Amino acid sequence: MALLTPLFAFLYHLPQVYKWLLKPYYVASLFMSVAFLAVRKTPGICDHLATQREDGNSCDFDWREVEILMFLSAIVMMKNRRAITVEQHVGNIILFSKVANVILFFRLDIRMGLLYLTLCIVFLMTCKPPLYMGPEYIKYFSDKTIDDELDRDSRVTWIVEFFANWSPECQSFASVYADLSLKYNCAGLKFGKVDIGRYGEVSKKYKVSASPLSKQLPSLVLFQGGKEVMRRPQVDKKGRAVSWSFTEENIIREFNLNELYQKSKKFNKTKEDKVSQSQFPPVPEEEESEQQGGNTQKEETESKKDK
């Protein structure tokens, strides 16, 4: 049963995964990931390749190539243990498949290795993974608006993601953060994002490093009354982030989102009551007494006419 549950979950989301994998970035990445396999197995091409097999069959993997592929497969499995989304799983497979292709092509022929490495560099510079474009309740800040928004209303709690568009971790986390905003966003609990890769001053002010070596991207910071209350991941004395998994369950538990949401709903009700009172203001007592007096006079005149 433990093995069937992930299988059923994958089959349930298969149409969505299939549509997602048909994007040009992943189609091109797939072809680059299987480049060495295609070269080694294609008749007419593999016949001219060098091999270390005892039988001299150049259209099949030799023992060293199998060893390299098995080693990198083990690394992918270890990396995917910490992966959260399908994007991260697929991204790890693509990344280490390209690494394996570079090693195998260089081992086969240095000219083919240089050609494949050049293609990888060009692809990295010209093609970017598709950004998340789904529904969300997220406010995007700039270096000029973030301070004003956080200080605008002290009763509003903000959860702000500090991210960079070039970071694969931030790209994978985008869908998770969007789902949280759809579930928990209300008048007293809001979600925001700021691109510190674009706004370096924000990075310095809120002490979130954009360096890949610091591993602080993405960073989630909870603000109450315009002041920082907590952040994940935490940062040690050396400025490096403490390892933390950005799963939806971890965020809900660490940031206590259920309790914050219940408190924020009360703030939302009081806000609605104030709006309704402003739309329908109460009638002053003097006006009520005048209206009552006018009504009694009308009733007396009507009674006299009847008589």
Protein backbone atom coordinates (compact mmCIF):
# COMPACT_ATOMS: atom_id res chain seq x y z
CA MET A 1 0.00 0.00 0.00
CA ALA A 2 2.88 2.35 0.77
CA LEU A 3 4.17 1.86 -2.78
CA LEU A 4 0.75 2.17 -4.43
CA THR A 5 -0.14 5.54 -2.87
CA PRO A 6 2.63 7.54 -4.62
CA LEU A 7 1.83 5.69 -7.87
CA PHE A 8 -1.86 6.62 -7.69
CA ALA A 9 -0.95 10.21 -6.83
CA PHE A 10 1.36 10.38 -9.86
CA LEU A 11 -1.32 8.94 -12.16
CA TYR A 12 -3.87 11.42 -10.80
CA HIS A 13 -1.61 14.38 -11.61
CA LEU A 14 -0.31 12.85 -14.85
CA PRO A 15 -2.31 15.13 -17.22
CA GLN A 16 -0.98 18.21 -15.41
CA VAL A 17 2.59 16.85 -15.44
CA TYR A 18 2.28 15.93 -19.11
CA LYS A 19 1.11 19.46 -20.02
CA TRP A 20 3.89 20.95 -17.89
CA LEU A 21 6.63 18.80 -19.49
CA LEU A 22 5.60 19.88 -23.00
CA LYS A 23 6.95 23.38 -22.42
CA PRO A 24 9.93 24.20 -24.69
CA TYR A 25 12.43 24.47 -21.84
CA TYR A 26 11.77 20.93 -20.62
CA VAL A 27 11.54 19.48 -24.13
CA ALA A 28 15.00 20.87 -24.97
CA SER A 29 16.36 19.73 -21.59
CA LEU A 30 15.04 16.22 -22.22
CA PHE A 31 16.85 15.96 -25.55
CA MET A 32 20.09 17.21 -23.99
CA SER A 33 19.72 14.73 -21.11
CA VAL A 34 19.56 11.72 -23.45
CA ALA A 35 22.16 13.00 -25.94
CA PHE A 36 24.86 10.46 -25.05
CA LEU A 37 22.34 7.61 -25.04
CA ALA A 38 21.16 8.63 -28.51
CA VAL A 39 24.74 8.86 -29.84
CA ARG A 40 25.77 5.53 -28.31
CA LYS A 41 22.68 3.64 -29.54
CA THR A 42 22.01 5.17 -32.97
CA PRO A 43 23.14 2.84 -35.81
CA GLY A 44 25.48 4.51 -38.24
CA ILE A 45 26.83 6.84 -35.55
CA CYS A 46 27.76 4.40 -32.81
CA ASP A 47 29.69 2.26 -35.32
CA HIS A 48 32.40 4.91 -35.47
CA LEU A 49 32.74 5.41 -31.69
CA ALA A 50 35.51 4.05 -29.49
CA THR A 51 34.72 1.39 -26.90
CA GLN A 52 36.42 -0.60 -24.14
CA ARG A 53 34.13 -3.59 -24.37
CA GLU A 54 35.83 -6.95 -24.84
CA ASP A 55 33.43 -7.93 -27.64
CA GLY A 56 34.16 -4.67 -29.48
CA ASN A 57 30.49 -3.69 -29.67
CA SER A 58 30.62 0.11 -29.89
CA CYS A 59 26.83 0.46 -29.86
CA ASP A 60 26.51 -0.58 -26.21
CA PHE A 61 27.75 0.87 -22.90
CA ASP A 62 31.06 -0.37 -21.55
CA TRP A 63 31.56 -1.14 -17.87
CA ARG A 64 33.02 2.31 -17.04
CA GLU A 65 30.06 4.13 -18.59
CA VAL A 66 27.63 1.97 -16.64
CA GLU A 67 29.58 2.71 -13.47
CA ILE A 68 29.36 6.49 -14.08
CA LEU A 69 25.62 6.31 -14.77
CA MET A 70 24.95 4.23 -11.65
CA PHE A 71 26.96 6.62 -9.47
CA LEU A 72 25.11 9.70 -10.72
CA SER A 73 21.77 7.87 -10.36
CA ALA A 74 22.56 7.35 -6.69
CA ILE A 75 23.30 11.08 -6.31
CA VAL A 76 19.97 11.97 -7.95
CA MET A 77 18.11 9.68 -5.53
CA MET A 78 19.83 11.31 -2.57
CA LYS A 79 19.05 14.82 -3.84
CA ASN A 80 15.41 13.98 -4.55
CA ARG A 81 14.87 12.88 -0.96
CA ARG A 82 14.75 16.58 -0.05
CA ALA A 83 12.81 17.63 -3.14
CA ILE A 84 9.36 19.11 -2.47
CA THR A 85 7.68 19.57 -5.82
CA VAL A 86 7.63 17.77 -9.15
CA GLU A 87 9.66 20.64 -10.60
CA GLN A 88 12.48 19.95 -8.14
CA HIS A 89 12.47 16.21 -8.90
CA VAL A 90 12.59 16.77 -12.64
CA GLY A 91 15.13 19.58 -12.25
CA ASN A 92 17.52 17.32 -10.31
CA ILE A 93 17.20 14.56 -12.90
CA ILE A 94 17.89 16.98 -15.76
CA LEU A 95 20.82 18.64 -13.99
CA PHE A 96 22.70 15.45 -13.13
CA SER A 97 21.86 13.88 -16.50
CA LYS A 98 23.65 16.79 -18.16
CA VAL A 99 26.60 16.35 -15.80
CA ALA A 100 26.76 12.67 -16.72
CA ASN A 101 26.62 13.55 -20.42
CA VAL A 102 29.54 15.99 -20.06
CA ILE A 103 31.68 13.35 -18.33
CA LEU A 104 30.76 10.61 -20.81
CA PHE A 105 31.31 12.76 -23.91
CA PHE A 106 34.70 13.98 -22.66
CA ARG A 107 35.69 10.39 -21.93
CA LEU A 108 34.56 9.31 -25.38
CA ASP A 109 36.07 12.17 -27.41
CA ILE A 110 37.34 15.52 -26.15
CA ARG A 111 35.92 17.27 -29.23
CA MET A 112 32.43 15.90 -28.53
CA GLY A 113 32.81 16.85 -24.87
CA LEU A 114 33.71 20.46 -25.75
CA LEU A 115 30.81 20.66 -28.19
CA TYR A 116 28.28 19.36 -25.65
CA LEU A 117 29.65 21.62 -22.90
CA THR A 118 29.32 24.64 -25.22
CA LEU A 119 25.70 23.70 -25.94
CA CYS A 120 24.99 23.45 -22.21
CA ILE A 121 26.47 26.91 -21.56
CA VAL A 122 24.49 28.47 -24.41
CA PHE A 123 21.31 26.77 -23.21
CA LEU A 124 21.90 27.98 -19.65
CA MET A 125 22.42 31.58 -20.80
CA THR A 126 19.50 31.76 -23.24
CA CYS A 127 16.80 29.50 -21.76
CA LYS A 128 15.21 29.93 -18.35
CA PRO A 129 12.78 27.59 -16.58
CA PRO A 130 9.15 28.69 -16.97
CA LEU A 131 7.92 30.83 -14.08
CA TYR A 132 4.82 29.98 -12.08
CA MET A 133 1.79 31.72 -13.66
CA GLY A 134 -1.05 30.18 -11.63
CA PRO A 135 -3.54 31.86 -9.26
CA GLU A 136 -2.23 33.56 -6.12
CA TYR A 137 -3.03 36.26 -3.54
CA ILE A 138 0.45 37.79 -3.30
CA LYS A 139 1.57 41.42 -3.19
CA TYR A 140 4.82 42.09 -5.08
CA PHE A 141 7.04 44.69 -3.43
CA SER A 142 9.76 46.94 -4.76
CA ASP A 143 12.50 48.70 -2.83
CA LYS A 144 10.23 51.77 -2.56
CA THR A 145 6.99 50.06 -1.49
CA ILE A 146 7.98 47.31 0.95
CA ASP A 147 8.54 49.56 3.99
CA ASP A 148 5.32 51.52 3.44
CA GLU A 149 3.22 48.36 3.09
CA LEU A 150 4.66 46.69 6.18
CA ASP A 151 4.09 49.82 8.30
CA ARG A 152 0.70 50.78 6.85
CA ASP A 153 -1.43 48.91 9.40
CA SER A 154 0.07 47.45 12.58
CA ARG A 155 -2.82 44.99 12.89
CA VAL A 156 -1.93 43.24 9.62
CA THR A 157 0.50 40.31 9.71
CA TRP A 158 2.72 39.89 6.68
CA ILE A 159 4.58 36.81 5.44
CA VAL A 160 7.15 37.94 2.90
CA GLU A 161 9.22 35.74 0.61
CA PHE A 162 12.65 37.07 -0.36
CA PHE A 163 13.51 35.43 -3.68
CA ALA A 164 15.52 35.71 -6.89
CA ASN A 165 14.28 34.71 -10.33
CA TRP A 166 17.51 32.92 -11.18
CA SER A 167 17.28 30.59 -8.17
CA PRO A 168 15.92 27.09 -8.99
CA GLU A 169 14.83 26.68 -5.36
CA CYS A 170 12.74 29.85 -5.56
CA GLN A 171 11.19 28.77 -8.85
CA SER A 172 10.20 25.40 -7.37
CA PHE A 173 8.81 27.01 -4.22
CA ALA A 174 6.60 29.46 -6.16
CA SER A 175 3.66 27.06 -6.53
CA VAL A 176 3.80 26.04 -2.84
CA TYR A 177 3.80 29.67 -1.71
CA ALA A 178 0.93 30.49 -4.09
CA ASP A 179 -1.19 27.65 -2.66
CA LEU A 180 -0.58 28.93 0.88
CA SER A 181 -1.68 32.43 -0.14
CA LEU A 182 -4.89 31.04 -1.62
CA LYS A 183 -5.68 29.15 1.58
CA TYR A 184 -4.69 31.67 4.26
CA ASN A 185 -4.85 35.16 2.75
CA CYS A 186 -7.35 37.50 4.45
CA ALA A 187 -7.60 41.11 5.65
CA GLY A 188 -5.37 40.50 8.68
CA LEU A 189 -2.92 38.02 7.14
CA LYS A 190 -1.27 38.89 3.85
CA PHE A 191 1.43 37.40 1.66
CA GLY A 192 4.16 39.34 -0.17
CA LYS A 193 7.23 38.78 -2.33
CA VAL A 194 10.28 40.87 -3.13
CA ASP A 195 12.99 40.08 -5.68
CA ILE A 196 16.29 40.74 -3.90
CA GLY A 197 18.15 39.75 -7.03
CA ARG A 198 16.72 42.95 -8.51
CA TYR A 199 16.61 45.14 -5.40
CA GLY A 200 19.99 44.81 -3.69
CA GLU A 201 19.20 47.47 -1.07
CA VAL A 202 16.32 45.34 0.24
CA SER A 203 18.72 42.41 0.53
CA LYS A 204 21.10 44.44 2.69
CA LYS A 205 18.43 46.03 4.87
CA TYR A 206 16.66 42.77 5.75
CA LYS A 207 19.91 40.77 5.88
CA VAL A 208 19.00 38.16 3.28
CA SER A 209 21.99 37.17 1.17
CA ALA A 210 21.42 36.63 -2.54
CA SER A 211 24.62 34.62 -2.87
CA PRO A 212 24.11 30.98 -3.95
CA LEU A 213 26.75 29.91 -1.39
CA SER A 214 24.71 31.25 1.56
CA LYS A 215 21.70 29.06 0.65
CA GLN A 216 19.31 31.69 2.05
CA LEU A 217 17.03 31.64 -0.98
CA PRO A 218 14.16 31.50 -0.63
CA SER A 219 13.69 33.11 2.80
CA LEU A 220 10.33 33.52 4.52
CA VAL A 221 10.02 36.32 7.09
CA LEU A 222 7.04 36.94 9.37
CA PHE A 223 6.30 40.62 10.13
CA GLN A 224 3.90 41.84 12.82
CA GLY A 225 3.45 45.54 13.41
CA GLY A 226 6.09 46.20 10.76
CA LYS A 227 8.76 44.31 12.73
CA GLU A 228 10.36 40.93 12.03
CA VAL A 229 9.15 38.17 14.34
CA MET A 230 10.74 35.08 12.80
CA ARG A 231 12.30 33.78 9.61
CA ARG A 232 13.06 30.51 7.89
CA PRO A 233 15.67 29.36 7.20
CA GLN A 234 17.56 30.60 10.21
CA VAL A 235 21.08 31.94 9.69
CA ASP A 236 24.08 30.89 11.78
CA LYS A 237 26.97 33.09 12.94
CA LYS A 238 28.88 32.44 9.70
CA GLY A 239 26.00 33.79 7.63
CA ARG A 240 24.95 30.40 6.28
CA ALA A 241 21.40 29.17 6.32
CA VAL A 242 20.47 26.29 8.60
CA SER A 243 19.05 23.44 6.52
CA TRP A 244 15.26 23.60 6.40
CA SER A 245 12.71 22.00 4.09
CA PHE A 246 10.18 24.37 2.47
CA THR A 247 7.23 21.99 2.47
CA GLU A 248 3.70 23.25 2.98
CA GLU A 249 3.37 21.27 6.21
CA ASN A 250 6.57 22.73 7.68
CA ILE A 251 5.52 26.29 6.87
CA ILE A 252 2.05 25.85 8.37
CA ARG A 253 3.55 24.38 11.55
CA GLU A 254 6.54 26.71 12.00
CA PHE A 255 4.63 29.92 11.23
CA ASN A 256 1.52 28.74 13.07
CA LEU A 257 -0.64 29.71 10.11
CA ASN A 258 -3.85 28.12 11.36
CA GLU A 259 -3.83 30.18 14.55
CA LEU A 260 -2.79 33.34 12.70
CA TYR A 261 -5.61 32.80 10.23
CA GLN A 262 -8.23 32.44 12.96
CA LYS A 263 -7.06 35.65 14.63
CA SER A 264 -6.97 37.45 11.31
CA LYS A 265 -10.54 36.37 10.52
CA LYS A 266 -11.70 38.21 13.66
CA PHE A 267 -9.94 41.32 12.40
CA ASN A 268 -11.71 40.83 9.09
CA LYS A 269 -15.12 40.70 10.83
CA THR A 270 -14.51 43.90 12.78
CA LYS A 271 -13.40 45.58 9.57
CA GLU A 272 -16.61 44.49 7.81
CA ASP A 273 -18.71 45.75 10.72
CA LYS A 274 -17.07 49.15 10.50
CA VAL A 275 -17.72 49.28 6.77
CA SER A 276 -21.38 48.38 7.23
CA GLN A 277 -21.76 51.04 9.94
CA SER A 278 -20.20 53.66 7.69
CA GLN A 279 -22.61 52.70 4.89
CA PHE A 280 -25.67 52.80 7.18
CA PRO A 281 -25.02 55.43 9.88
CA PRO A 282 -27.29 55.35 12.97
CA VAL A 283 -30.05 57.96 13.22
CA PRO A 284 -29.39 60.58 15.94
CA GLU A 285 -31.74 60.62 18.93
CA GLU A 286 -32.92 64.18 18.25
CA GLU A 287 -33.94 63.27 14.72
CA GLU A 288 -35.77 60.22 16.05
CA SER A 289 -37.73 62.34 18.54
CA GLU A 290 -38.58 64.86 15.82
CA GLN A 291 -39.74 62.07 13.55
CA GLN A 292 -41.86 60.59 16.34
CA GLY A 293 -43.35 64.04 17.10
CA GLY A 294 -44.15 64.58 13.44
CA ASN A 295 -45.82 61.20 13.25
CA THR A 296 -48.02 61.91 16.29
CA GLN A 297 -49.08 65.29 14.81
CA LYS A 298 -50.03 63.61 11.53
CA GLU A 299 -52.06 61.02 13.41
CA GLU A 300 -53.94 63.76 15.36
CA THR A 301 -54.81 65.72 12.20
CA GLU A 302 -56.00 62.57 10.46
CA SER A 303 -58.20 61.69 13.44
CA LYS A 304 -59.77 65.20 13.43
CA LYS A 305 -60.57 64.95 9.74
CA ASP A 306 -62.29 61.62 10.32
CA LYS A 307 -64.45 63.20 13.01
